[in-house]
Amino acid sequence: QVQLVESGGGSVQAGDSLTLSCVGSGFRFGHYIMFWYRQVPGKGREFVGEITSLDGTRYADSVNGRFVISRDVNKRTMFLQMNNLKPDDTAVYYCRADVDLRTYWGQGIQVTVSE
């Protein structure tokens, strides 16, 4: 059974950094593409970035240059390092894994950035 569990969220001030973690289980970690998304109330989930099975990364324009996705296969963990955070980054952040043509989501974690 595929499971994804996010951690590391919280409340920070603009300009601060924060790193989210997503621990995956039930699948061959590192062999599938994984993503970070975020969602604010009243809107759909927004793509933040992805990391492929070859560790290639791609980011949304809104976070490119500020956020970095990485993965530690031995720890079965994907990371989202968020730098120079802005109030507009406030959202619930979700990790996602596409495993064998199925999509799995974590439960989400809140990140709040104040002025």
C-alpha atoms as a PDB file:
ATOM      1  CA  GLN A   1       0.000   0.000   0.000  1.00  0.00           C
ATOM      2  CA  VAL A   2       1.471   3.304  -1.081  1.00  0.00           C
ATOM      3  CA  GLN A   3       1.654   5.928   1.641  1.00  0.00           C
ATOM      4  CA  LEU A   4       3.056   9.447   1.627  1.00  0.00           C
ATOM      5  CA  VAL A   5       3.507  11.459   4.803  1.00  0.00           C
ATOM      6  CA  GLU A   6       4.543  15.109   4.818  1.00  0.00           C
ATOM      7  CA  SER A   7       6.211  16.911   7.705  1.00  0.00           C
ATOM      8  CA  GLY A   8       8.101  20.108   8.439  1.00  0.00           C
ATOM      9  CA  GLY A   9       5.394  22.699   7.935  1.00  0.00           C
ATOM     10  CA  GLY A  10       4.772  25.642  10.201  1.00  0.00           C
ATOM     11  CA  SER A  11       4.569  29.402  10.490  1.00  0.00           C
ATOM     12  CA  VAL A  12       7.452  31.597   9.393  1.00  0.00           C
ATOM     13  CA  GLN A  13       8.089  35.192   8.401  1.00  0.00           C
ATOM     14  CA  ALA A  14       8.688  36.533   4.919  1.00  0.00           C
ATOM     15  CA  GLY A  15      12.269  35.938   3.840  1.00  0.00           C
ATOM     16  CA  ASP A  16      12.690  32.852   6.018  1.00  0.00           C
ATOM     17  CA  SER A  17      13.471  29.342   4.823  1.00  0.00           C
ATOM     18  CA  LEU A  18      11.649  26.101   5.549  1.00  0.00           C
ATOM     19  CA  THR A  19      12.155  22.509   4.429  1.00  0.00           C
ATOM     20  CA  LEU A  20       9.312  20.052   3.969  1.00  0.00           C
ATOM     21  CA  SER A  21       9.797  16.300   3.941  1.00  0.00           C
ATOM     22  CA  CYS A  22       7.725  13.553   2.351  1.00  0.00           C
ATOM     23  CA  VAL A  23       8.364   9.983   3.432  1.00  0.00           C
ATOM     24  CA  GLY A  24       7.124   7.342   1.017  1.00  0.00           C
ATOM     25  CA  SER A  25       6.388   3.683   1.617  1.00  0.00           C
ATOM     26  CA  GLY A  26       4.819   0.799  -0.272  1.00  0.00           C
ATOM     27  CA  PHE A  27       6.622   1.409  -3.535  1.00  0.00           C
ATOM     28  CA  ARG A  28      10.104   1.329  -4.998  1.00  0.00           C
ATOM     29  CA  PHE A  29      11.188   4.775  -3.859  1.00  0.00           C
ATOM     30  CA  GLY A  30      13.306   6.627  -6.409  1.00  0.00           C
ATOM     31  CA  HIS A  31      11.914   4.747  -9.380  1.00  0.00           C
ATOM     32  CA  TYR A  32       8.908   6.980  -9.921  1.00  0.00           C
ATOM     33  CA  ILE A  33       8.310  10.639 -10.546  1.00  0.00           C
ATOM     34  CA  MET A  34       7.248  12.608  -7.484  1.00  0.00           C
ATOM     35  CA  PHE A  35       5.770  16.060  -7.115  1.00  0.00           C
ATOM     36  CA  TRP A  36       5.026  18.866  -4.713  1.00  0.00           C
ATOM     37  CA  TYR A  37       1.733  20.723  -5.026  1.00  0.00           C
ATOM     38  CA  ARG A  38       0.069  23.374  -2.908  1.00  0.00           C
ATOM     39  CA  GLN A  39      -3.460  24.570  -2.356  1.00  0.00           C
ATOM     40  CA  VAL A  40      -5.109  27.623  -0.846  1.00  0.00           C
ATOM     41  CA  PRO A  41      -8.765  27.715   0.225  1.00  0.00           C
ATOM     42  CA  GLY A  42     -11.138  28.083  -2.703  1.00  0.00           C
ATOM     43  CA  LYS A  43      -8.607  27.162  -5.356  1.00  0.00           C
ATOM     44  CA  GLY A  44      -7.384  23.977  -6.992  1.00  0.00           C
ATOM     45  CA  ARG A  45      -4.060  22.359  -6.291  1.00  0.00           C
ATOM     46  CA  GLU A  46      -1.177  24.198  -7.882  1.00  0.00           C
ATOM     47  CA  PHE A  47       1.925  22.482  -9.266  1.00  0.00           C
ATOM     48  CA  VAL A  48       5.055  23.495  -7.362  1.00  0.00           C
ATOM     49  CA  GLY A  49       7.691  21.163  -8.739  1.00  0.00           C
ATOM     50  CA  GLU A  50       8.700  17.639  -9.624  1.00  0.00           C
ATOM     51  CA  ILE A  51      11.608  15.253  -9.445  1.00  0.00           C
ATOM     52  CA  THR A  52      11.932  12.428 -11.955  1.00  0.00           C
ATOM     53  CA  SER A  53      13.362   8.957 -11.526  1.00  0.00           C
ATOM     54  CA  LEU A  54      16.604  10.330 -12.986  1.00  0.00           C
ATOM     55  CA  ASP A  55      16.571  13.178 -10.430  1.00  0.00           C
ATOM     56  CA  GLY A  56      15.706  15.768 -13.032  1.00  0.00           C
ATOM     57  CA  THR A  57      13.721  18.658 -11.566  1.00  0.00           C
ATOM     58  CA  ARG A  58      11.234  21.196 -12.855  1.00  0.00           C
ATOM     59  CA  TYR A  59       9.558  24.056 -11.038  1.00  0.00           C
ATOM     60  CA  ALA A  60       6.645  26.395 -11.366  1.00  0.00           C
ATOM     61  CA  ASP A  61       7.670  29.891 -12.439  1.00  0.00           C
ATOM     62  CA  SER A  62       6.400  31.276  -9.145  1.00  0.00           C
ATOM     63  CA  VAL A  63       8.959  29.315  -7.109  1.00  0.00           C
ATOM     64  CA  ASN A  64      11.796  28.784  -9.596  1.00  0.00           C
ATOM     65  CA  GLY A  65      15.048  29.996  -8.102  1.00  0.00           C
ATOM     66  CA  ARG A  66      13.674  29.929  -4.540  1.00  0.00           C
ATOM     67  CA  PHE A  67      12.570  26.310  -4.034  1.00  0.00           C
ATOM     68  CA  VAL A  68      14.674  23.185  -4.458  1.00  0.00           C
ATOM     69  CA  ILE A  69      13.428  19.590  -4.631  1.00  0.00           C
ATOM     70  CA  SER A  70      15.726  16.735  -3.709  1.00  0.00           C
ATOM     71  CA  ARG A  71      15.404  13.111  -2.725  1.00  0.00           C
ATOM     72  CA  ASP A  72      17.243  10.708  -0.406  1.00  0.00           C
ATOM     73  CA  VAL A  73      16.458   7.208  -1.624  1.00  0.00           C
ATOM     74  CA  ASN A  74      18.027   5.509   1.390  1.00  0.00           C
ATOM     75  CA  LYS A  75      15.743   7.499   3.706  1.00  0.00           C
ATOM     76  CA  ARG A  76      12.791   7.137   1.327  1.00  0.00           C
ATOM     77  CA  THR A  77      12.301  10.872   1.636  1.00  0.00           C
ATOM     78  CA  MET A  78      11.668  13.704  -0.799  1.00  0.00           C
ATOM     79  CA  PHE A  79      12.433  17.240   0.316  1.00  0.00           C
ATOM     80  CA  LEU A  80      11.174  20.677  -0.628  1.00  0.00           C
ATOM     81  CA  GLN A  81      13.610  23.344   0.468  1.00  0.00           C
ATOM     82  CA  MET A  82      11.851  26.697   0.384  1.00  0.00           C
ATOM     83  CA  ASN A  83      13.944  29.847   0.537  1.00  0.00           C
ATOM     84  CA  ASN A  84      13.035  33.518   0.618  1.00  0.00           C
ATOM     85  CA  LEU A  85       9.452  32.649   1.458  1.00  0.00           C
ATOM     86  CA  LYS A  86       6.704  35.118   0.604  1.00  0.00           C
ATOM     87  CA  PRO A  87       3.182  35.519   2.008  1.00  0.00           C
ATOM     88  CA  ASP A  88       1.873  34.217  -1.341  1.00  0.00           C
ATOM     89  CA  ASP A  89       3.568  30.890  -0.543  1.00  0.00           C
ATOM     90  CA  THR A  90       1.048  30.344   2.257  1.00  0.00           C
ATOM     91  CA  ALA A  91      -0.813  27.136   1.455  1.00  0.00           C
ATOM     92  CA  VAL A  92      -1.295  23.493   2.299  1.00  0.00           C
ATOM     93  CA  TYR A  93       1.533  21.600   0.637  1.00  0.00           C
ATOM     94  CA  TYR A  94       1.067  18.084  -0.708  1.00  0.00           C
ATOM     95  CA  CYS A  95       3.445  15.500  -2.034  1.00  0.00           C
ATOM     96  CA  ARG A  96       2.344  13.241  -4.837  1.00  0.00           C
ATOM     97  CA  ALA A  97       3.732  10.061  -6.366  1.00  0.00           C
ATOM     98  CA  ASP A  98       2.699   8.467  -9.644  1.00  0.00           C
ATOM     99  CA  VAL A  99       3.225   4.737  -9.198  1.00  0.00           C
ATOM    100  CA  ASP A 100       2.296   2.224 -11.877  1.00  0.00           C
ATOM    101  CA  LEU A 101      -0.214   4.573 -13.552  1.00  0.00           C
ATOM    102  CA  ARG A 102      -1.891   5.489 -10.247  1.00  0.00           C
ATOM    103  CA  THR A 103      -1.630   8.789  -8.427  1.00  0.00           C
ATOM    104  CA  TYR A 104      -1.129   8.958  -4.681  1.00  0.00           C
ATOM    105  CA  TRP A 105      -1.243  11.988  -2.395  1.00  0.00           C
ATOM    106  CA  GLY A 106      -0.050  12.753   1.079  1.00  0.00           C
ATOM    107  CA  GLN A 107      -2.370  14.266   3.657  1.00  0.00           C
ATOM    108  CA  GLY A 108      -0.958  17.750   3.233  1.00  0.00           C
ATOM    109  CA  ILE A 109       0.817  20.122   5.614  1.00  0.00           C
ATOM    110  CA  GLN A 110       0.240  23.783   6.323  1.00  0.00           C
ATOM    111  CA  VAL A 111       2.830  26.444   5.584  1.00  0.00           C
ATOM    112  CA  THR A 112       2.017  29.982   6.690  1.00  0.00           C
ATOM    113  CA  VAL A 113       4.203  32.952   5.779  1.00  0.00           C
ATOM    114  CA  SER A 114       3.532  36.278   7.461  1.00  0.00           C
ATOM    115  CA  GLU A 115       4.800  39.727   6.546  1.00  0.00           C
END
